[in-house]
C-alpha atoms as a PDB file:
ATOM      1  CA  MET A   1      -0.205  -0.064   0.146  1.00  0.00           C
ATOM      2  CA  LYS A   2       1.077   3.234  -0.427  1.00  0.00           C
ATOM      3  CA  TYR A   3      -0.955   6.389   0.607  1.00  0.00           C
ATOM      4  CA  VAL A   4       0.270  10.347  -0.676  1.00  0.00           C
ATOM      5  CA  SER A   5      -0.664  13.245  -0.488  1.00  0.00           C
ATOM      6  CA  LEU A   6       0.439  16.414  -3.298  1.00  0.00           C
ATOM      7  CA  ASP A   7       0.176  18.667  -0.519  1.00  0.00           C
ATOM      8  CA  GLN A   8       3.434  16.477   0.458  1.00  0.00           C
ATOM      9  CA  ILE A   9       5.314  16.190  -2.573  1.00  0.00           C
ATOM     10  CA  ASN A  10       7.923  18.276  -4.310  1.00  0.00           C
ATOM     11  CA  ASP A  11       7.222  19.957  -7.414  1.00  0.00           C
ATOM     12  CA  GLN A  12       9.419  19.383 -10.274  1.00  0.00           C
ATOM     13  CA  CYS A  13       9.849  20.437 -14.053  1.00  0.00           C
ATOM     14  CA  VAL A  14       8.258  18.419 -16.636  1.00  0.00           C
ATOM     15  CA  SER A  15      10.571  16.952 -19.093  1.00  0.00           C
ATOM     16  CA  HIS A  16       9.492  18.589 -22.239  1.00  0.00           C
ATOM     17  CA  ASN A  17       9.113  22.367 -20.621  1.00  0.00           C
ATOM     18  CA  ALA A  18      11.379  23.107 -17.258  1.00  0.00           C
ATOM     19  CA  ALA A  19       9.073  25.995 -16.629  1.00  0.00           C
ATOM     20  CA  ILE A  20       5.957  23.240 -16.181  1.00  0.00           C
ATOM     21  CA  ARG A  21       5.833  22.180 -12.994  1.00  0.00           C
ATOM     22  CA  LYS A  22       4.180  18.645 -11.478  1.00  0.00           C
ATOM     23  CA  LYS A  23       3.899  16.786  -8.617  1.00  0.00           C
ATOM     24  CA  VAL A  24       4.623  12.868  -8.698  1.00  0.00           C
ATOM     25  CA  LEU A  25       2.453  10.698  -7.307  1.00  0.00           C
ATOM     26  CA  LEU A  26       3.729   7.252  -8.709  1.00  0.00           C
ATOM     27  CA  THR A  27       6.891   6.416 -10.326  1.00  0.00           C
ATOM     28  CA  PRO A  28       8.307   3.908 -12.555  1.00  0.00           C
ATOM     29  CA  GLY A  29       8.732   0.108 -10.287  1.00  0.00           C
ATOM     30  CA  GLU A  30       5.856   1.202  -8.103  1.00  0.00           C
ATOM     31  CA  LEU A  31       3.069  -0.989 -10.485  1.00  0.00           C
ATOM     32  CA  PRO A  32       2.961  -3.303 -13.231  1.00  0.00           C
ATOM     33  CA  HIS A  33       3.276  -0.943 -16.612  1.00  0.00           C
ATOM     34  CA  LEU A  34       3.031   2.305 -14.653  1.00  0.00           C
ATOM     35  CA  THR A  35       5.288   5.128 -15.831  1.00  0.00           C
ATOM     36  CA  GLN A  36       4.030   7.466 -13.875  1.00  0.00           C
ATOM     37  CA  PHE A  37       1.161   8.794 -12.198  1.00  0.00           C
ATOM     38  CA  ALA A  38       1.511  13.278 -11.612  1.00  0.00           C
ATOM     39  CA  GLN A  39      -0.463  15.895 -11.811  1.00  0.00           C
ATOM     40  CA  ALA A  40       0.894  18.818 -14.208  1.00  0.00           C
ATOM     41  CA  TYR A  41       0.835  22.972 -13.699  1.00  0.00           C
ATOM     42  CA  PHE A  42       0.837  25.046 -16.896  1.00  0.00           C
ATOM     43  CA  ALA A  43       0.687  28.270 -16.367  1.00  0.00           C
ATOM     44  CA  PRO A  44      -1.006  30.552 -18.691  1.00  0.00           C
ATOM     45  CA  ASP A  45       0.565  30.418 -22.690  1.00  0.00           C
ATOM     46  CA  GLN A  46       3.073  27.699 -21.355  1.00  0.00           C
ATOM     47  CA  VAL A  47       3.568  25.064 -24.061  1.00  0.00           C
ATOM     48  CA  ALA A  48       4.589  21.443 -23.920  1.00  0.00           C
ATOM     49  CA  ASN A  49       5.899  21.574 -27.137  1.00  0.00           C
ATOM     50  CA  ALA A  50       4.928  18.453 -29.899  1.00  0.00           C
ATOM     51  CA  HIS A  51       6.644  14.952 -28.686  1.00  0.00           C
ATOM     52  CA  GLN A  52       5.452  11.518 -29.045  1.00  0.00           C
ATOM     53  CA  HIS A  53       6.772   8.459 -27.064  1.00  0.00           C
ATOM     54  CA  ASN A  54       7.027   5.264 -28.977  1.00  0.00           C
ATOM     55  CA  ASP A  55       7.060   2.403 -25.740  1.00  0.00           C
ATOM     56  CA  MET A  56       4.162   4.011 -23.939  1.00  0.00           C
ATOM     57  CA  TYR A  57       0.310   5.646 -23.494  1.00  0.00           C
ATOM     58  CA  GLU A  58      -0.754   8.669 -21.812  1.00  0.00           C
ATOM     59  CA  VAL A  59      -3.676   9.241 -20.416  1.00  0.00           C
ATOM     60  CA  PHE A  60      -4.183  13.119 -19.647  1.00  0.00           C
ATOM     61  CA  PHE A  61      -7.395  14.379 -17.243  1.00  0.00           C
ATOM     62  CA  VAL A  62      -8.284  17.428 -17.215  1.00  0.00           C
ATOM     63  CA  GLN A  63      -9.133  19.134 -13.328  1.00  0.00           C
ATOM     64  CA  SER A  64      -9.476  22.394 -14.284  1.00  0.00           C
ATOM     65  CA  GLY A  65      -8.504  25.513 -16.713  1.00  0.00           C
ATOM     66  CA  ASN A  66      -8.697  25.585 -20.273  1.00  0.00           C
ATOM     67  CA  GLY A  67      -6.844  24.322 -23.187  1.00  0.00           C
ATOM     68  CA  GLN A  68      -5.549  22.455 -26.697  1.00  0.00           C
ATOM     69  CA  ILE A  69      -3.794  19.323 -27.114  1.00  0.00           C
ATOM     70  CA  VAL A  70      -2.869  18.956 -30.868  1.00  0.00           C
ATOM     71  CA  ILE A  71      -2.293  15.247 -31.481  1.00  0.00           C
ATOM     72  CA  ASP A  72      -0.709  14.203 -34.669  1.00  0.00           C
ATOM     73  CA  GLY A  73      -1.914  17.512 -35.987  1.00  0.00           C
ATOM     74  CA  GLN A  74      -5.341  17.525 -34.800  1.00  0.00           C
ATOM     75  CA  PRO A  75      -6.233  20.226 -32.274  1.00  0.00           C
ATOM     76  CA  HIS A  76      -8.476  19.321 -29.367  1.00  0.00           C
ATOM     77  CA  ARG A  77     -10.156  21.349 -26.873  1.00  0.00           C
ATOM     78  CA  LEU A  78      -9.181  20.402 -23.106  1.00  0.00           C
ATOM     79  CA  ASN A  79     -12.136  21.850 -20.316  1.00  0.00           C
ATOM     80  CA  PRO A  80     -12.237  20.462 -17.075  1.00  0.00           C
ATOM     81  CA  GLY A  81     -13.679  16.712 -17.069  1.00  0.00           C
ATOM     82  CA  ILE A  82     -11.670  15.755 -20.386  1.00  0.00           C
ATOM     83  CA  CYS A  83     -10.153  12.323 -20.563  1.00  0.00           C
ATOM     84  CA  VAL A  84      -7.956  12.121 -23.691  1.00  0.00           C
ATOM     85  CA  THR A  85      -5.212   9.247 -24.364  1.00  0.00           C
ATOM     86  CA  VAL A  86      -2.548   9.078 -26.764  1.00  0.00           C
ATOM     87  CA  SER A  87      -1.085   5.926 -27.998  1.00  0.00           C
ATOM     88  CA  PRO A  88       2.544   5.221 -28.541  1.00  0.00           C
ATOM     89  CA  GLY A  89       3.920   7.326 -31.722  1.00  0.00           C
ATOM     90  CA  GLU A  90       1.528   9.780 -31.546  1.00  0.00           C
ATOM     91  CA  SER A  91       2.681  13.429 -31.816  1.00  0.00           C
ATOM     92  CA  HIS A  92       1.126  15.532 -29.051  1.00  0.00           C
ATOM     93  CA  GLU A  93       2.156  18.834 -27.581  1.00  0.00           C
ATOM     94  CA  VAL A  94      -0.470  20.517 -24.754  1.00  0.00           C
ATOM     95  CA  ARG A  95      -0.897  24.380 -23.932  1.00  0.00           C
ATOM     96  CA  ASN A  96      -2.626  25.948 -21.617  1.00  0.00           C
ATOM     97  CA  THR A  97      -4.806  28.665 -23.685  1.00  0.00           C
ATOM     98  CA  GLY A  98      -7.005  30.250 -21.075  1.00  0.00           C
ATOM     99  CA  LYS A  99      -5.980  32.946 -18.292  1.00  0.00           C
ATOM    100  CA  GLU A 100      -5.929  30.288 -14.913  1.00  0.00           C
ATOM    101  CA  PRO A 101      -3.590  27.622 -14.557  1.00  0.00           C
ATOM    102  CA  LEU A 102      -4.183  24.521 -16.757  1.00  0.00           C
ATOM    103  CA  ILE A 103      -4.084  21.683 -13.997  1.00  0.00           C
ATOM    104  CA  LEU A 104      -3.516  17.977 -15.836  1.00  0.00           C
ATOM    105  CA  THR A 105      -3.874  14.631 -14.168  1.00  0.00           C
ATOM    106  CA  TYR A 106      -2.349  11.998 -15.917  1.00  0.00           C
ATOM    107  CA  PHE A 107      -0.673   8.575 -16.452  1.00  0.00           C
ATOM    108  CA  GLY A 108       1.137   6.842 -18.568  1.00  0.00           C
ATOM    109  CA  LEU A 109       1.181   3.487 -19.442  1.00  0.00           C
ATOM    110  CA  GLN A 110       4.242   0.583 -21.109  1.00  0.00           C
ATOM    111  CA  ALA A 111       2.989  -0.628 -24.519  1.00  0.00           C
ATOM    112  CA  GLN A 112       3.124  -4.239 -24.580  1.00  0.00           C
ATOM    113  CA  GLY A 113       4.993  -5.672 -27.132  1.00  0.00           C
END
């Protein structure tokens, strides 16, 4: 068992943009196939530039704020309550398009191959 609270976790930078902060709740190896479970905080206009992962799926859930995710060139709105899955090899970019922080809870799962 693991019991953890966001207010007890130090924040760290997101690998795709060091200015974007995240709090990691679960790390690789804590659960089978999980690469990470975290919450990211995007200030207005912050962007995690386009990138892809060939070895994992990512799932994003919008806690609050407004933004956009572009997957393989196709834009999709991010509003509270939206859940988006990105498959291995899909290019994706996340941007805060609002005036408030965009808060995403997300996790990655290793692709089975």
